[in-house]
Amino acid sequence: MARPVETRRGPMTPEQVMAEILDWMKYIVGALAVGLLIVTFVLQNNQVFGASMQPTLHEGDQLLVQKVSARLGRFHYGDIVTIDGAKMLGDEEPDLVKRVIGLPGDTIDVRDGLVYRNGIPLEEPYLGNETKTPPLGRGFDRVTLGEDELFVMGDNRGNSKDSRVFGPVPFDDVIGTCVIRFYPFDRVGVP
């Protein structure tokens, strides 16, 4: 047989009110601390600026980015990552959203509109059939990535400031890896 729930009767004393307030404050401070830890070390929201990732992502798309793999230096070919735009392009730049093309030790070059990784042309199904990749800039024909460096490119190859412009990206400048596009609602999913 269930016991009846005991309820408080009568007005609360000032001490009881203060104890209740302090009890609530512990929960609020704890929730804020957990939220701060999550935003600092685990997840964050990033917005896509510009057209450099079209057709995969569009300006204004909202992404949920996980930071754990970036902190551990665990990246994979094809990952969509966010990068500290200010470090790559200047003070006023927003975070950049790009695709991982090369990992440490890889040699990347562009010939005849195709991207080659370690001498093998990449199959890039996320690009349109007619997409040609402009050559590398910065006065070099090919790049061999050092330890803790990535080579990234936008999917809109003719309209992207990426590693062809600013060179390899140090792991420390990567914010995180895209988990899901959560806005706009009609295109929610893994890009």
N, C-alpha and C. Protein backbone atom coordinates (compact mmCIF):
# COMPACT_ATOMS: atom_id res chain seq x y z
N MET A 1 0.84 -1.17 0.00
CA MET A 1 0.00 0.00 0.00
C MET A 1 0.89 1.24 0.00
N ALA A 2 0.58 2.19 -0.87
CA ALA A 2 1.37 3.42 -1.00
C ALA A 2 1.14 4.33 0.19
N ARG A 3 2.24 4.95 0.62
CA ARG A 3 2.12 5.92 1.72
C ARG A 3 1.68 7.25 1.16
N PRO A 4 0.86 7.96 1.87
CA PRO A 4 0.47 9.29 1.40
C PRO A 4 1.68 10.23 1.43
N VAL A 5 1.73 11.14 0.49
CA VAL A 5 2.81 12.11 0.41
C VAL A 5 2.57 13.18 1.47
N GLU A 6 3.62 13.42 2.25
CA GLU A 6 3.49 14.45 3.26
C GLU A 6 3.69 15.81 2.62
N THR A 7 2.86 16.74 2.95
CA THR A 7 2.99 18.10 2.43
C THR A 7 3.28 19.05 3.57
N ARG A 8 3.91 20.17 3.20
CA ARG A 8 4.23 21.19 4.17
C ARG A 8 2.95 21.95 4.51
N ARG A 9 2.75 22.21 5.76
CA ARG A 9 1.57 22.96 6.18
C ARG A 9 2.02 24.26 6.82
N GLY A 10 1.30 25.29 6.49
CA GLY A 10 1.59 26.58 7.09
C GLY A 10 2.67 27.33 6.34
N PRO A 11 2.87 28.58 6.69
CA PRO A 11 3.88 29.40 6.01
C PRO A 11 5.29 28.93 6.38
N MET A 12 6.22 29.20 5.46
CA MET A 12 7.62 28.84 5.68
C MET A 12 8.28 29.90 6.55
N THR A 13 9.19 29.47 7.37
CA THR A 13 9.94 30.41 8.18
C THR A 13 11.01 31.05 7.29
N PRO A 14 11.58 32.19 7.68
CA PRO A 14 12.65 32.81 6.90
C PRO A 14 13.83 31.86 6.68
N GLU A 15 14.14 31.04 7.66
CA GLU A 15 15.24 30.08 7.51
C GLU A 15 14.91 29.04 6.45
N GLN A 16 13.65 28.60 6.41
CA GLN A 16 13.24 27.62 5.40
C GLN A 16 13.27 28.23 4.00
N VAL A 17 12.85 29.50 3.90
CA VAL A 17 12.88 30.18 2.60
C VAL A 17 14.33 30.29 2.11
N MET A 18 15.24 30.70 3.00
CA MET A 18 16.65 30.83 2.63
C MET A 18 17.23 29.47 2.24
N ALA A 19 16.89 28.42 2.97
CA ALA A 19 17.38 27.07 2.64
C ALA A 19 16.86 26.64 1.27
N GLU A 20 15.61 26.94 0.97
CA GLU A 20 15.03 26.60 -0.33
C GLU A 20 15.73 27.36 -1.46
N ILE A 21 15.98 28.65 -1.25
CA ILE A 21 16.67 29.47 -2.25
C ILE A 21 18.08 28.93 -2.49
N LEU A 22 18.81 28.63 -1.43
CA LEU A 22 20.17 28.10 -1.56
C LEU A 22 20.17 26.75 -2.28
N ASP A 23 19.17 25.93 -1.99
CA ASP A 23 19.06 24.64 -2.66
C ASP A 23 18.88 24.83 -4.16
N TRP A 24 18.00 25.75 -4.55
CA TRP A 24 17.79 26.04 -5.98
C TRP A 24 19.05 26.63 -6.62
N MET A 25 19.74 27.49 -5.88
CA MET A 25 20.96 28.11 -6.41
C MET A 25 22.02 27.06 -6.73
N LYS A 26 22.14 26.02 -5.89
CA LYS A 26 23.09 24.95 -6.16
C LYS A 26 22.80 24.29 -7.51
N TYR A 27 21.53 24.03 -7.78
CA TYR A 27 21.16 23.39 -9.05
C TYR A 27 21.42 24.32 -10.24
N ILE A 28 21.10 25.59 -10.08
CA ILE A 28 21.30 26.56 -11.17
C ILE A 28 22.79 26.71 -11.47
N VAL A 29 23.61 26.89 -10.44
CA VAL A 29 25.06 27.04 -10.63
C VAL A 29 25.64 25.75 -11.23
N GLY A 30 25.19 24.61 -10.77
CA GLY A 30 25.66 23.34 -11.32
C GLY A 30 25.30 23.20 -12.79
N ALA A 31 24.07 23.57 -13.16
CA ALA A 31 23.65 23.48 -14.57
C ALA A 31 24.46 24.44 -15.43
N LEU A 32 24.71 25.65 -14.93
CA LEU A 32 25.52 26.61 -15.68
C LEU A 32 26.95 26.10 -15.86
N ALA A 33 27.51 25.50 -14.83
CA ALA A 33 28.88 24.96 -14.91
C ALA A 33 28.95 23.83 -15.94
N VAL A 34 27.97 22.94 -15.92
CA VAL A 34 27.94 21.85 -16.90
C VAL A 34 27.79 22.42 -18.30
N GLY A 35 26.91 23.40 -18.48
CA GLY A 35 26.73 24.03 -19.79
C GLY A 35 28.01 24.69 -20.28
N LEU A 36 28.70 25.38 -19.41
CA LEU A 36 29.96 26.03 -19.77
C LEU A 36 31.02 25.00 -20.17
N LEU A 37 31.11 23.91 -19.44
CA LEU A 37 32.05 22.85 -19.79
C LEU A 37 31.74 22.24 -21.15
N ILE A 38 30.45 22.03 -21.43
CA ILE A 38 30.05 21.46 -22.72
C ILE A 38 30.42 22.40 -23.85
N VAL A 39 30.09 23.69 -23.71
CA VAL A 39 30.39 24.66 -24.78
C VAL A 39 31.89 24.84 -24.95
N THR A 40 32.65 24.79 -23.88
CA THR A 40 34.09 25.00 -23.95
C THR A 40 34.83 23.79 -24.51
N PHE A 41 34.43 22.59 -24.13
CA PHE A 41 35.22 21.41 -24.47
C PHE A 41 34.54 20.38 -25.36
N VAL A 42 33.22 20.42 -25.52
CA VAL A 42 32.54 19.33 -26.20
C VAL A 42 31.81 19.75 -27.47
N LEU A 43 30.87 20.67 -27.38
CA LEU A 43 30.01 21.03 -28.51
C LEU A 43 29.89 22.53 -28.66
N GLN A 44 29.66 22.97 -29.89
CA GLN A 44 29.30 24.37 -30.11
C GLN A 44 28.52 24.48 -31.41
N ASN A 45 27.84 25.59 -31.56
CA ASN A 45 27.08 25.92 -32.76
C ASN A 45 27.98 26.76 -33.66
N ASN A 46 27.99 26.46 -34.96
CA ASN A 46 28.69 27.30 -35.94
C ASN A 46 27.75 27.60 -37.10
N GLN A 47 27.84 28.81 -37.59
CA GLN A 47 27.05 29.22 -38.75
C GLN A 47 27.96 29.26 -39.97
N VAL A 48 27.40 28.86 -41.13
CA VAL A 48 28.13 28.92 -42.38
C VAL A 48 28.01 30.32 -42.95
N PHE A 49 29.15 30.94 -43.25
CA PHE A 49 29.19 32.26 -43.89
C PHE A 49 29.74 32.08 -45.30
N GLY A 50 29.07 32.65 -46.28
CA GLY A 50 29.56 32.60 -47.65
C GLY A 50 29.13 31.33 -48.38
N ALA A 51 29.64 31.22 -49.62
CA ALA A 51 29.23 30.14 -50.52
C ALA A 51 30.32 29.11 -50.74
N SER A 52 31.37 29.11 -49.93
CA SER A 52 32.53 28.25 -50.22
C SER A 52 32.26 26.76 -50.05
N MET A 53 31.19 26.37 -49.38
CA MET A 53 30.91 24.94 -49.20
C MET A 53 29.72 24.47 -50.02
N GLN A 54 29.22 25.30 -50.93
CA GLN A 54 28.11 24.85 -51.78
C GLN A 54 28.62 23.79 -52.73
N PRO A 55 27.87 22.80 -53.09
CA PRO A 55 26.45 22.61 -52.83
C PRO A 55 26.14 21.90 -51.50
N THR A 56 27.15 21.48 -50.76
CA THR A 56 26.91 20.73 -49.52
C THR A 56 26.25 21.58 -48.45
N LEU A 57 26.79 22.76 -48.20
CA LEU A 57 26.28 23.68 -47.18
C LEU A 57 26.05 25.04 -47.82
N HIS A 58 25.08 25.78 -47.27
CA HIS A 58 24.73 27.09 -47.80
C HIS A 58 24.87 28.15 -46.72
N GLU A 59 25.02 29.38 -47.16
CA GLU A 59 25.14 30.49 -46.21
C GLU A 59 23.94 30.48 -45.27
N GLY A 60 24.23 30.62 -43.98
CA GLY A 60 23.18 30.64 -42.97
C GLY A 60 22.90 29.29 -42.34
N ASP A 61 23.39 28.20 -42.94
CA ASP A 61 23.20 26.88 -42.32
C ASP A 61 23.82 26.91 -40.93
N GLN A 62 23.16 26.24 -39.99
CA GLN A 62 23.65 26.14 -38.62
C GLN A 62 24.14 24.71 -38.38
N LEU A 63 25.35 24.59 -37.85
CA LEU A 63 25.98 23.30 -37.64
C LEU A 63 26.24 23.06 -36.16
N LEU A 64 26.08 21.82 -35.73
CA LEU A 64 26.53 21.42 -34.40
C LEU A 64 27.91 20.80 -34.59
N VAL A 65 28.88 21.35 -33.89
CA VAL A 65 30.28 20.96 -34.05
C VAL A 65 30.77 20.33 -32.76
N GLN A 66 31.35 19.14 -32.86
CA GLN A 66 31.94 18.51 -31.67
C GLN A 66 33.43 18.81 -31.66
N LYS A 67 33.94 19.14 -30.48
CA LYS A 67 35.32 19.60 -30.33
C LYS A 67 36.29 18.51 -29.87
N VAL A 68 35.78 17.38 -29.45
CA VAL A 68 36.63 16.36 -28.84
C VAL A 68 37.67 15.83 -29.83
N SER A 69 37.24 15.49 -31.06
CA SER A 69 38.20 14.93 -32.02
C SER A 69 39.28 15.94 -32.37
N ALA A 70 38.93 17.23 -32.41
CA ALA A 70 39.94 18.25 -32.70
C ALA A 70 40.95 18.34 -31.57
N ARG A 71 40.48 18.26 -30.34
CA ARG A 71 41.40 18.33 -29.20
C ARG A 71 42.32 17.11 -29.15
N LEU A 72 41.81 15.96 -29.66
CA LEU A 72 42.61 14.74 -29.67
C LEU A 72 43.40 14.57 -30.96
N GLY A 73 43.17 15.46 -31.94
CA GLY A 73 43.87 15.37 -33.22
C GLY A 73 43.42 14.20 -34.07
N ARG A 74 42.14 13.84 -33.96
CA ARG A 74 41.60 12.71 -34.73
C ARG A 74 40.72 13.23 -35.85
N PHE A 75 41.27 13.20 -37.05
CA PHE A 75 40.54 13.68 -38.22
C PHE A 75 40.53 12.58 -39.27
N HIS A 76 39.54 12.66 -40.17
CA HIS A 76 39.41 11.69 -41.24
C HIS A 76 39.21 12.43 -42.56
N TYR A 77 39.61 11.78 -43.65
CA TYR A 77 39.35 12.35 -44.97
C TYR A 77 37.86 12.59 -45.12
N GLY A 78 37.52 13.76 -45.64
CA GLY A 78 36.12 14.09 -45.89
C GLY A 78 35.40 14.74 -44.72
N ASP A 79 36.01 14.76 -43.53
CA ASP A 79 35.38 15.45 -42.39
C ASP A 79 35.13 16.91 -42.77
N ILE A 80 34.01 17.44 -42.32
CA ILE A 80 33.76 18.88 -42.43
C ILE A 80 34.15 19.48 -41.09
N VAL A 81 35.10 20.41 -41.13
CA VAL A 81 35.65 20.99 -39.90
C VAL A 81 35.43 22.50 -39.88
N THR A 82 35.43 23.06 -38.68
CA THR A 82 35.44 24.51 -38.53
C THR A 82 36.83 24.92 -38.06
N ILE A 83 37.28 26.04 -38.61
CA ILE A 83 38.64 26.52 -38.38
C ILE A 83 38.56 27.96 -37.89
N ASP A 84 39.48 28.34 -37.05
CA ASP A 84 39.56 29.72 -36.56
C ASP A 84 39.92 30.64 -37.73
N GLY A 85 38.92 31.33 -38.25
CA GLY A 85 39.11 32.20 -39.42
C GLY A 85 40.06 33.35 -39.16
N ALA A 86 40.06 33.88 -37.94
CA ALA A 86 40.94 35.00 -37.62
C ALA A 86 42.41 34.59 -37.74
N LYS A 87 42.74 33.37 -37.33
CA LYS A 87 44.13 32.91 -37.43
C LYS A 87 44.54 32.64 -38.87
N MET A 88 43.58 32.21 -39.68
CA MET A 88 43.91 31.86 -41.07
C MET A 88 43.91 33.06 -42.00
N LEU A 89 42.94 33.98 -41.82
CA LEU A 89 42.76 35.06 -42.80
C LEU A 89 42.81 36.47 -42.23
N GLY A 90 42.72 36.62 -40.93
CA GLY A 90 42.77 37.97 -40.36
C GLY A 90 41.76 38.17 -39.25
N ASP A 91 41.91 39.29 -38.56
CA ASP A 91 41.17 39.56 -37.33
C ASP A 91 39.65 39.49 -37.44
N GLU A 92 39.07 39.97 -38.52
CA GLU A 92 37.62 40.08 -38.60
C GLU A 92 36.94 38.88 -39.24
N GLU A 93 37.67 37.86 -39.57
CA GLU A 93 37.10 36.71 -40.26
C GLU A 93 36.31 35.83 -39.29
N PRO A 94 35.11 35.38 -39.73
CA PRO A 94 34.38 34.40 -38.91
C PRO A 94 35.05 33.03 -39.03
N ASP A 95 34.59 32.09 -38.22
CA ASP A 95 35.11 30.73 -38.34
C ASP A 95 34.84 30.21 -39.74
N LEU A 96 35.78 29.46 -40.27
CA LEU A 96 35.67 28.89 -41.62
C LEU A 96 35.18 27.46 -41.53
N VAL A 97 34.38 27.05 -42.51
CA VAL A 97 33.89 25.68 -42.59
C VAL A 97 34.47 25.07 -43.87
N LYS A 98 35.24 24.00 -43.74
CA LYS A 98 35.93 23.39 -44.88
C LYS A 98 35.93 21.87 -44.75
N ARG A 99 36.34 21.20 -45.83
CA ARG A 99 36.41 19.74 -45.86
C ARG A 99 37.88 19.30 -45.78
N VAL A 100 38.15 18.26 -44.99
CA VAL A 100 39.51 17.72 -44.86
C VAL A 100 39.85 16.93 -46.12
N ILE A 101 40.91 17.35 -46.79
CA ILE A 101 41.39 16.69 -48.00
C ILE A 101 42.68 15.92 -47.72
N GLY A 102 43.53 16.47 -46.84
CA GLY A 102 44.82 15.83 -46.55
C GLY A 102 45.11 15.76 -45.07
N LEU A 103 45.75 14.67 -44.66
CA LEU A 103 46.15 14.43 -43.28
C LEU A 103 47.69 14.45 -43.18
N PRO A 104 48.24 14.46 -41.96
CA PRO A 104 49.69 14.52 -41.81
C PRO A 104 50.42 13.48 -42.68
N GLY A 105 51.48 13.95 -43.35
CA GLY A 105 52.28 13.09 -44.20
C GLY A 105 51.82 13.02 -45.65
N ASP A 106 50.59 13.45 -45.93
CA ASP A 106 50.08 13.42 -47.31
C ASP A 106 50.74 14.50 -48.15
N THR A 107 50.85 14.21 -49.45
CA THR A 107 51.27 15.21 -50.42
C THR A 107 50.07 15.54 -51.29
N ILE A 108 49.72 16.82 -51.34
CA ILE A 108 48.55 17.29 -52.10
C ILE A 108 49.03 18.14 -53.26
N ASP A 109 48.47 17.86 -54.45
CA ASP A 109 48.71 18.77 -55.57
C ASP A 109 47.47 18.79 -56.45
N VAL A 110 47.39 19.83 -57.28
CA VAL A 110 46.25 20.02 -58.17
C VAL A 110 46.79 20.10 -59.59
N ARG A 111 46.26 19.22 -60.46
CA ARG A 111 46.65 19.22 -61.87
C ARG A 111 45.41 19.02 -62.73
N ASP A 112 45.32 19.80 -63.78
CA ASP A 112 44.23 19.65 -64.75
C ASP A 112 42.86 19.66 -64.09
N GLY A 113 42.71 20.48 -63.05
CA GLY A 113 41.42 20.62 -62.39
C GLY A 113 41.08 19.52 -61.40
N LEU A 114 42.00 18.59 -61.15
CA LEU A 114 41.77 17.49 -60.21
C LEU A 114 42.72 17.61 -59.03
N VAL A 115 42.25 17.16 -57.86
CA VAL A 115 43.07 17.13 -56.66
C VAL A 115 43.69 15.74 -56.54
N TYR A 116 45.00 15.71 -56.28
CA TYR A 116 45.73 14.45 -56.10
C TYR A 116 46.24 14.39 -54.67
N ARG A 117 46.03 13.23 -54.06
CA ARG A 117 46.59 12.97 -52.73
C ARG A 117 47.55 11.81 -52.88
N ASN A 118 48.81 12.06 -52.59
CA ASN A 118 49.85 11.04 -52.72
C ASN A 118 49.88 10.44 -54.12
N GLY A 119 49.66 11.31 -55.12
CA GLY A 119 49.73 10.90 -56.52
C GLY A 119 48.48 10.26 -57.09
N ILE A 120 47.45 10.09 -56.27
CA ILE A 120 46.21 9.44 -56.73
C ILE A 120 45.09 10.49 -56.78
N PRO A 121 44.38 10.60 -57.93
CA PRO A 121 43.30 11.58 -58.01
C PRO A 121 42.17 11.21 -57.05
N LEU A 122 41.63 12.23 -56.38
CA LEU A 122 40.56 11.99 -55.41
C LEU A 122 39.23 11.77 -56.12
N GLU A 123 38.45 10.85 -55.57
CA GLU A 123 37.05 10.73 -55.96
C GLU A 123 36.28 11.61 -54.98
N GLU A 124 35.57 12.60 -55.51
CA GLU A 124 34.89 13.56 -54.65
C GLU A 124 33.42 13.65 -55.04
N PRO A 125 32.60 12.71 -54.56
CA PRO A 125 31.19 12.66 -54.95
C PRO A 125 30.38 13.86 -54.48
N TYR A 126 30.88 14.61 -53.52
CA TYR A 126 30.18 15.78 -53.00
C TYR A 126 30.32 16.99 -53.92
N LEU A 127 31.17 16.91 -54.93
CA LEU A 127 31.33 18.00 -55.90
C LEU A 127 30.42 17.74 -57.09
N GLY A 128 30.03 18.81 -57.76
CA GLY A 128 29.28 18.66 -59.00
C GLY A 128 30.16 18.04 -60.07
N ASN A 129 29.56 17.39 -61.06
CA ASN A 129 30.31 16.69 -62.12
C ASN A 129 31.23 17.62 -62.89
N GLU A 130 30.84 18.87 -63.04
CA GLU A 130 31.61 19.81 -63.85
C GLU A 130 32.64 20.61 -63.04
N THR A 131 32.75 20.32 -61.75
CA THR A 131 33.64 21.10 -60.89
C THR A 131 35.10 20.83 -61.24
N LYS A 132 35.82 21.90 -61.47
CA LYS A 132 37.26 21.85 -61.69
C LYS A 132 37.92 22.61 -60.54
N THR A 133 39.00 22.08 -60.02
CA THR A 133 39.68 22.72 -58.90
C THR A 133 40.81 23.60 -59.42
N PRO A 134 40.73 24.92 -59.12
CA PRO A 134 41.84 25.80 -59.50
C PRO A 134 43.13 25.36 -58.80
N PRO A 135 44.28 25.68 -59.40
CA PRO A 135 45.56 25.23 -58.84
C PRO A 135 45.86 25.86 -57.48
N LEU A 136 46.87 25.30 -56.85
CA LEU A 136 47.34 25.83 -55.57
C LEU A 136 47.91 27.22 -55.76
N GLY A 137 47.76 28.04 -54.76
CA GLY A 137 48.34 29.38 -54.79
C GLY A 137 49.64 29.39 -54.02
N ARG A 138 50.01 30.55 -53.56
CA ARG A 138 51.17 30.74 -52.67
C ARG A 138 52.49 30.28 -53.30
N GLY A 139 52.54 30.15 -54.63
CA GLY A 139 53.81 29.87 -55.29
C GLY A 139 54.32 28.46 -55.16
N PHE A 140 53.46 27.47 -54.91
CA PHE A 140 53.95 26.10 -54.87
C PHE A 140 53.04 25.20 -55.70
N ASP A 141 53.60 24.12 -56.20
CA ASP A 141 52.84 23.17 -57.01
C ASP A 141 52.23 22.06 -56.17
N ARG A 142 52.91 21.71 -55.10
CA ARG A 142 52.39 20.64 -54.24
C ARG A 142 52.79 20.94 -52.81
N VAL A 143 52.05 20.32 -51.89
CA VAL A 143 52.29 20.53 -50.46
C VAL A 143 52.39 19.17 -49.79
N THR A 144 53.43 18.99 -48.99
CA THR A 144 53.52 17.81 -48.14
C THR A 144 53.25 18.26 -46.72
N LEU A 145 52.24 17.65 -46.12
CA LEU A 145 51.80 18.07 -44.79
C LEU A 145 52.72 17.54 -43.70
N GLY A 146 52.98 18.42 -42.74
CA GLY A 146 53.78 18.04 -41.59
C GLY A 146 52.93 17.37 -40.54
N GLU A 147 53.59 16.99 -39.46
CA GLU A 147 52.89 16.41 -38.33
C GLU A 147 51.92 17.46 -37.78
N ASP A 148 50.72 17.05 -37.43
CA ASP A 148 49.70 17.95 -36.87
C ASP A 148 49.26 19.03 -37.85
N GLU A 149 49.17 18.69 -39.14
CA GLU A 149 48.66 19.63 -40.14
C GLU A 149 47.61 18.96 -41.01
N LEU A 150 46.61 19.76 -41.42
CA LEU A 150 45.57 19.32 -42.34
C LEU A 150 45.61 20.17 -43.59
N PHE A 151 45.12 19.61 -44.69
CA PHE A 151 44.87 20.38 -45.90
C PHE A 151 43.37 20.37 -46.09
N VAL A 152 42.76 21.57 -46.16
CA VAL A 152 41.31 21.68 -46.25
C VAL A 152 40.92 22.45 -47.50
N MET A 153 39.73 22.15 -48.02
CA MET A 153 39.21 22.87 -49.18
C MET A 153 37.70 23.03 -49.01
N GLY A 154 37.18 24.11 -49.62
CA GLY A 154 35.75 24.26 -49.72
C GLY A 154 35.24 23.43 -50.89
N ASP A 155 33.97 23.02 -50.82
CA ASP A 155 33.40 22.22 -51.91
C ASP A 155 33.15 23.07 -53.16
N ASN A 156 32.99 24.37 -52.99
CA ASN A 156 32.81 25.29 -54.11
C ASN A 156 34.21 25.77 -54.50
N ARG A 157 34.93 24.95 -55.22
CA ARG A 157 36.36 25.13 -55.44
C ARG A 157 36.73 26.46 -56.09
N GLY A 158 35.87 27.00 -56.93
CA GLY A 158 36.19 28.27 -57.57
C GLY A 158 35.92 29.48 -56.70
N ASN A 159 35.31 29.27 -55.53
CA ASN A 159 34.92 30.38 -54.66
C ASN A 159 35.21 30.03 -53.21
N SER A 160 36.44 29.64 -52.91
CA SER A 160 36.77 29.24 -51.55
C SER A 160 38.18 29.68 -51.19
N LYS A 161 38.28 30.36 -50.06
CA LYS A 161 39.59 30.64 -49.46
C LYS A 161 39.88 29.45 -48.54
N ASP A 162 40.84 28.66 -48.93
CA ASP A 162 41.13 27.43 -48.19
C ASP A 162 42.63 27.19 -48.17
N SER A 163 43.07 25.98 -47.98
CA SER A 163 44.50 25.70 -47.88
C SER A 163 45.27 26.05 -49.14
N ARG A 164 44.58 26.21 -50.27
CA ARG A 164 45.25 26.69 -51.47
C ARG A 164 45.68 28.14 -51.30
N VAL A 165 45.01 28.87 -50.41
CA VAL A 165 45.32 30.28 -50.16
C VAL A 165 46.19 30.43 -48.92
N PHE A 166 45.77 29.83 -47.80
CA PHE A 166 46.49 30.06 -46.54
C PHE A 166 47.39 28.91 -46.12
N GLY A 167 47.48 27.86 -46.92
CA GLY A 167 48.39 26.77 -46.61
C GLY A 167 47.80 25.75 -45.65
N PRO A 168 48.64 24.83 -45.18
CA PRO A 168 48.17 23.80 -44.25
C PRO A 168 47.63 24.43 -42.96
N VAL A 169 46.69 23.73 -42.34
CA VAL A 169 46.06 24.20 -41.10
C VAL A 169 46.62 23.40 -39.93
N PRO A 170 47.23 24.08 -38.96
CA PRO A 170 47.68 23.37 -37.75
C PRO A 170 46.48 22.81 -36.98
N PHE A 171 46.63 21.64 -36.40
CA PHE A 171 45.55 21.05 -35.61
C PHE A 171 45.01 22.03 -34.58
N ASP A 172 45.90 22.83 -33.97
CA ASP A 172 45.48 23.77 -32.92
C ASP A 172 44.50 24.83 -33.42
N ASP A 173 44.45 25.06 -34.74
CA ASP A 173 43.54 26.06 -35.28
C ASP A 173 42.19 25.48 -35.70
N VAL A 174 42.03 24.17 -35.54
CA VAL A 174 40.75 23.52 -35.85
C VAL A 174 39.89 23.55 -34.59
N ILE A 175 38.67 24.06 -34.74
CA ILE A 175 37.75 24.16 -33.61
C ILE A 175 37.05 22.83 -33.37
N GLY A 176 36.58 22.21 -34.43
CA GLY A 176 35.86 20.95 -34.27
C GLY A 176 35.39 20.38 -35.59
N THR A 177 34.69 19.26 -35.49
CA THR A 177 34.18 18.53 -36.64
C THR A 177 32.66 18.59 -36.63
N CYS A 178 32.09 18.83 -37.81
CA CYS A 178 30.63 18.94 -37.93
C CYS A 178 29.97 17.59 -37.63
N VAL A 179 28.96 17.64 -36.76
CA VAL A 179 28.19 16.45 -36.42
C VAL A 179 26.89 16.42 -37.22
N ILE A 180 26.20 17.57 -37.29
CA ILE A 180 24.90 17.63 -37.95
C ILE A 180 24.59 19.07 -38.34
N ARG A 181 23.85 19.22 -39.42
CA ARG A 181 23.27 20.52 -39.77
C ARG A 181 21.88 20.50 -39.13
N PHE A 182 21.61 21.46 -38.23
CA PHE A 182 20.32 21.46 -37.56
C PHE A 182 19.40 22.59 -38.03
N TYR A 183 19.88 23.44 -38.91
CA TYR A 183 19.04 24.49 -39.49
C TYR A 183 19.60 24.82 -40.86
N PRO A 184 18.75 25.00 -41.85
CA PRO A 184 17.30 25.08 -41.83
C PRO A 184 16.66 23.71 -41.60
N PHE A 185 15.47 23.75 -41.04
CA PHE A 185 14.81 22.52 -40.62
C PHE A 185 14.50 21.58 -41.77
N ASP A 186 14.31 22.11 -42.97
CA ASP A 186 14.01 21.22 -44.11
C ASP A 186 15.26 20.52 -44.65
N ARG A 187 16.43 20.84 -44.11
CA ARG A 187 17.67 20.18 -44.55
C ARG A 187 18.47 19.64 -43.36
N VAL A 188 17.79 19.31 -42.27
CA VAL A 188 18.46 18.76 -41.10
C VAL A 188 19.09 17.42 -41.47
N GLY A 189 20.31 17.21 -41.03
CA GLY A 189 20.97 15.94 -41.28
C GLY A 189 22.48 16.08 -41.31
N VAL A 190 23.15 14.97 -41.54
CA VAL A 190 24.60 14.97 -41.64
C VAL A 190 24.98 15.43 -43.04
N PRO A 191 25.73 16.53 -43.14
CA PRO A 191 26.07 17.02 -44.49
C PRO A 191 27.09 16.13 -45.19
